[in-house]
Amino acid sequence: KSIQLDLFFTNASGVQFNAGVEFLETGEKEIMLQVPAKSCALNQNVMLVVYKDMKERNSNPALSITGKITAWEQVVDHNIRITIQLVQYEEKEWERFLTIFSSRQEEINAFLESMRR
């Protein structure tokens, strides 16, 4: 089962993006996204709110962070890949968020291993 996320990315000007925002991966205290081009700039402070899926928008988010864009790369015509260094966040929310992805990765690894046998 694929993990579905509903992401709301808000840039330093207060403009919020939902369409075109895709989760890519996490790092130690950072998160990588693909976002619309011209939605942000290097060293800008941004906000990110993540819901597990669209049905949960009216509930508490799975993750809510404020961060700083530390890397920026053009990837396709209308999108850029950014790295957001976490600045303000709840440690427990971050740990729960990481657990979702580590457990899913373990499932994928087990499946791939079973296919090799």
Protein backbone atom coordinates (compact mmCIF):
# COMPACT_ATOMS: atom_id res chain seq x y z
CA LYS A 1 0.00 0.00 0.00
CA SER A 2 1.45 3.34 -1.04
CA ILE A 3 1.80 6.17 1.46
CA GLN A 4 -0.35 9.12 0.43
CA LEU A 5 0.42 12.56 1.83
CA ASP A 6 -1.42 15.85 1.51
CA LEU A 7 1.18 18.66 1.67
CA PHE A 8 0.67 22.38 2.18
CA PHE A 9 3.79 24.45 1.50
CA THR A 10 3.75 28.15 2.42
CA ASN A 11 6.53 30.43 1.20
CA ALA A 12 7.98 33.52 2.89
CA SER A 13 5.36 35.75 1.19
CA GLY A 14 2.55 33.74 2.76
CA VAL A 15 1.49 32.12 -0.53
CA GLN A 16 0.31 28.56 0.02
CA PHE A 17 0.84 25.74 -2.48
CA ASN A 18 -0.82 22.33 -2.45
CA ALA A 19 -0.92 21.35 -6.12
CA GLY A 20 2.50 20.40 -7.45
CA VAL A 21 4.02 19.77 -4.01
CA GLU A 22 5.52 16.29 -3.70
CA PHE A 23 7.36 14.62 -0.86
CA LEU A 24 10.72 13.14 -1.94
CA GLU A 25 12.64 12.04 1.14
CA THR A 26 13.81 12.90 4.64
CA GLY A 27 17.22 13.44 6.14
CA GLU A 28 18.46 13.80 9.71
CA LYS A 29 16.61 17.05 10.41
CA GLU A 30 15.56 17.94 6.88
CA ILE A 31 12.90 17.15 4.33
CA MET A 32 13.16 17.20 0.54
CA LEU A 33 10.27 18.27 -1.64
CA GLN A 34 9.50 18.98 -5.25
CA VAL A 35 7.56 22.24 -5.53
CA PRO A 36 6.43 24.59 -8.30
CA ALA A 37 9.21 26.73 -9.79
CA LYS A 38 9.34 30.30 -8.51
CA SER A 39 7.47 29.31 -5.32
CA CYS A 40 10.50 29.93 -3.12
CA ALA A 41 14.17 30.83 -3.03
CA LEU A 42 17.34 29.61 -1.37
CA ASN A 43 17.68 30.68 2.29
CA GLN A 44 13.98 31.57 2.55
CA ASN A 45 11.99 30.55 5.60
CA VAL A 46 8.96 28.40 4.77
CA MET A 47 6.20 26.46 6.48
CA LEU A 48 5.11 22.92 5.69
CA VAL A 49 2.00 21.16 6.98
CA VAL A 50 1.58 17.47 6.19
CA TYR A 51 -1.61 15.42 6.48
CA LYS A 52 -1.65 11.66 6.01
CA ASP A 53 -4.23 12.08 3.24
CA MET A 54 -6.87 14.51 1.95
CA LYS A 55 -9.57 13.06 4.23
CA GLU A 56 -7.63 14.20 7.30
CA ARG A 57 -7.38 17.90 6.40
CA ASN A 58 -9.89 18.84 9.13
CA SER A 59 -7.92 17.00 11.81
CA ASN A 60 -4.51 17.56 13.34
CA PRO A 61 -1.67 17.40 10.82
CA ALA A 62 0.83 14.54 10.92
CA LEU A 63 3.63 17.11 10.80
CA SER A 64 3.87 20.89 10.97
CA ILE A 65 7.25 22.58 10.56
CA THR A 66 8.93 25.88 9.93
CA GLY A 67 12.22 25.58 8.13
CA LYS A 68 14.84 27.20 5.96
CA ILE A 69 15.57 26.24 2.35
CA THR A 70 19.17 25.08 2.27
CA ALA A 71 19.28 23.57 -1.24
CA TRP A 72 17.46 24.40 -4.47
CA GLU A 73 17.68 22.63 -7.84
CA GLN A 74 15.72 22.95 -11.09
CA VAL A 75 14.46 19.47 -12.02
CA VAL A 76 11.86 19.85 -14.77
CA ASP A 77 10.22 22.72 -16.64
CA HIS A 78 7.93 23.93 -13.89
CA ASN A 79 9.33 22.32 -10.75
CA ILE A 80 12.27 22.60 -8.40
CA ARG A 81 13.69 20.24 -5.78
CA ILE A 82 14.31 21.85 -2.40
CA THR A 83 15.78 20.77 0.91
CA ILE A 84 14.21 22.30 4.01
CA GLN A 85 16.26 22.31 7.21
CA LEU A 86 13.88 22.00 10.16
CA VAL A 87 13.92 25.04 12.45
CA GLN A 88 10.70 24.85 14.50
CA TYR A 89 8.86 21.55 14.94
CA GLU A 90 7.59 19.13 17.54
CA GLU A 91 10.16 16.38 18.07
CA LYS A 92 7.45 13.76 18.69
CA GLU A 93 5.65 14.69 15.43
CA TRP A 94 8.93 14.39 13.52
CA GLU A 95 9.72 11.00 15.07
CA ARG A 96 6.22 9.70 14.23
CA PHE A 97 6.60 10.99 10.66
CA LEU A 98 9.95 9.20 10.29
CA THR A 99 8.47 6.00 11.72
CA ILE A 100 5.82 5.95 8.99
CA PHE A 101 8.50 5.94 6.32
CA SER A 102 10.98 3.62 8.00
CA SER A 103 8.29 0.96 8.55
CA ARG A 104 7.16 1.31 4.93
CA GLN A 105 10.75 0.97 3.73
CA GLU A 106 11.15 -2.21 5.79
CA GLU A 107 8.04 -3.64 4.07
CA ILE A 108 9.49 -2.78 0.65
CA ASN A 109 12.85 -4.35 1.53
CA ALA A 110 11.16 -7.55 2.76
CA PHE A 111 9.13 -7.77 -0.45
CA LEU A 112 12.22 -7.29 -2.62
CA GLU A 113 14.10 -9.91 -0.62
CA SER A 114 11.25 -12.42 -1.05
CA MET A 115 11.30 -11.82 -4.82
CA ARG A 116 15.02 -12.64 -4.96
CA ARG A 117 14.49 -16.08 -3.43
